[in-house]
Amino acid sequence: MHRFLIPLFVLLSSAAAHAAPGPRVASPDGTIVVELATDNDGRPAYAVSRKGQPVIASSRLGFLLLDAPKFERNIEIVQPRTRTFDETWEQPWGERRFIRNHYNELTATLKEKAKPFRSFDVVFRVFDDGVGFRYRFPKQSGLEQVKISEELTEFSLARDATAWWIPAGEWNREEYLYHRTPVQQVGDAQTPITFRFEDGTHLSIHEAALVDYSGMNLTRVEDRKLKADLTPGIGEGKVVRAAPFDTPWRTLLLSDAAAGLAMSSLTLNLNEPNALGDVSWVKPMKYVGVWWEMHLDLKSWASGPKHGATNDNVRKHIDFAAKHGFGGVLVEGWNVGWDGDWFGNGEDFSFTKSYPDFDLKALSRYARSKGVVLIGHHETSGNAAHYEEQMGDAFDLYQRVGVPAVKTGYVADASQAKVTGTDGKRHYAWHEGQDMARHHLKVVTEAAKRHIAVNPHEPIKDSGLRRTYPNWITREGARGMEFSAWGQPGNPPEHEANLVFTRLLAGPMDYTPGIFGMKTRSTDGIATTWAKQLSLYVVIYSPLQMAADLLENYDKNPAPFQFIKDVPVDWDDTRVLNGEVGDYVTIARKERGGDNWYLGALTDEDGRTLSVPLTFLDEGRRYTAQIYRDGDKAHWKTAPQDIVIEERSVIRADTLTLKLAPGGGQAIRFVAQ
């Protein structure tokens, strides 16, 4: 272990003036080392190394406070204490059933050496695949209420790196395409943000357990140094909390390759265990919905002759779901409020009153008679204050009529959400400010009281809270498939290969795949092949997966549709077999409670041939590989529908060669014999 410590000491000594070495902690396998130190002015800092190489150079810790001197200078490190923790816990649903939570922890008190002698703790948990650290504010004289104007937390990359990032503070929330730049060209960025060093080491910076706090963005201040930039609040301070309290964890995922980032459970492990008790009522499922037809402008959310949420149309979707084994039917546009100016407003929405041509109670009863459930929809237009006034009644209604899940929406420009402040007045707010963090958790906990699962769109970022609240089942929070339905250029072929190693490191995404109808309102249609659309059910994890296309497109193409019918949404195990950020990825998953495996592979605009050993398959078993691959002429621009469906017998010792067309993919179901 000690061979990893010398370079870190050198790193701290050279980066901070006369740094005084402080306590340190290593990961259980000794690969990752974190050290605390203070410089000659008493400024606290931390540094991280991996395999003896610096990853995070000396980076400051501390706070600017609104009504008190800053916590940043004239500080000493006292009372360091360490512990080791090792457990294996079971997910009620997820990418894998069992997760090991093994770390070494260092807690140190950072105390002022002069009056007023305030202090706070910093806690580091070091795993074999990364680091989490947070601040802990004790209750103390003069700081009964803490008003934070900014964190001084830094992430100073020790070496040059390539970065994949989306901008922060812009109008379209999280729905941007990823930039690929040198770290020196990063501006204001959202998390997760992913880096690749020249030696191939990968790093992702994010946060975990975002509770009653503002979301953290990053801003580059000089060279390779990034600093925390908390989302603005609505009043005094970006965060206002009564002590004692803990901040969210700041997380660093580390891996030799991109695939290792996507295998990590660090974010989940930094969240508290399930707080809801028995959650057997949370049901992962595939669903269809009254949705894509609105994006294609064939139907409308608003009432009138094009209204999509009619009794007849919903019954058609229920019958389809029942016939093909889908669990749910999403219905958007059922409730009063969609007529007129609803975008970014939301004041006219009723969450209990239906349009006259939609009978919620009768349709829910009809669905259940067919073994299907309705998935509710609450579009708020970002007006959280208006939603909270009706939320209890809305969830009570869903509970009475048997709607066990709801998709919420917060369609409003960034900074144009609306919340009720402590003064009782409405205030404009950012989607990831402290007040919206409180709002989303209130939605989830109130829904849980009625045994309702929640899938927010235009959400607050995922920070692993699904471990604590397993009814927070998935969310959007990135550019989804609908961007390829509209009149603007859609998502490019590299988009999904970016998402796997950026946004999806935070948690599940309701991406809404499964499109066979390539002609949309977008000028270029959809940058995909049919085989790639099938691969998305394995590659992009979500316990709610939509078959998003028009029903008639599935009726016309039963052969490729069969994979969508077969593929599960809940898994015993997940293996990320290969991948490069923005280029390609291959993922294999084993179905929960069964013997079959599923594989998804996809590429960007470049065609590729990937060699995939089948070592993930169970020893001693033979499988029938049901293969859905790109045809010889397949290309996302010219021949997206060229798909070949074939079978072959395979065992664990075999290696498959996957030929992926430009913008293409491959999906395989391995049926145990």
Foldseek 3Di string as FASTA:
>chain_A
DCLQVVLQVVLAPVPAANKDWDDKDAAPVRFKIKTWTAHPFRFIWMFMGGNNHGFFGTWTWWFPFQPDHTGGTQKDKDDKDKDWDWDWDADPFDQAGIDIQTWIKIKIKIWHPDPPGAIKIKMWTYHPFWIKIWIWHACDPPPQKTFTQFIFTKGFTPAKKWKWFDAPPFFVFQADFIDTGILQPDAWTAFQMKIAGPQQKIKTKAWADAALAFGWIWGDDHDRMIGTDGFQDFDGHLHMDGDGDMHIIIIMGIDSHLQSLLADPVLQSSDDAAPLPDLPLQAQWEEEELPLCVLQVQAHLEDDPRHQQAPVNLVVRLVLCLVLVTAEYEYHSFWPDRPDDCALNQLGTDLQHGDPRHDLLVSQVVSVVSNHGYEAEAERNLALQNCVVCVLVNLVVCLVSPHAEYEYERRYTAQSRWDQDPVRDITGGGQRGSRNSNSVVVNLVSNSVSNHAYEYESHHAARNCCRHRVSPFEYASYNAPSQLQAQEARDALLRLLQCSSTRCSRHAHARAAQEPPQDHNYPQGDQAANQQSLLCLFRHAGSYYYNYYDPVVCVVPVPSVVSVSPDHRGFNHKGWQDGDNSAKTKIKTHHPPDQKIKIKIWGGQAKDKDKAQQQVHDPPWKWKKFKKAADPPDHSRPHRHRIDTDIDIDDNRDIDIHTAHRSYMMMIMTHTD
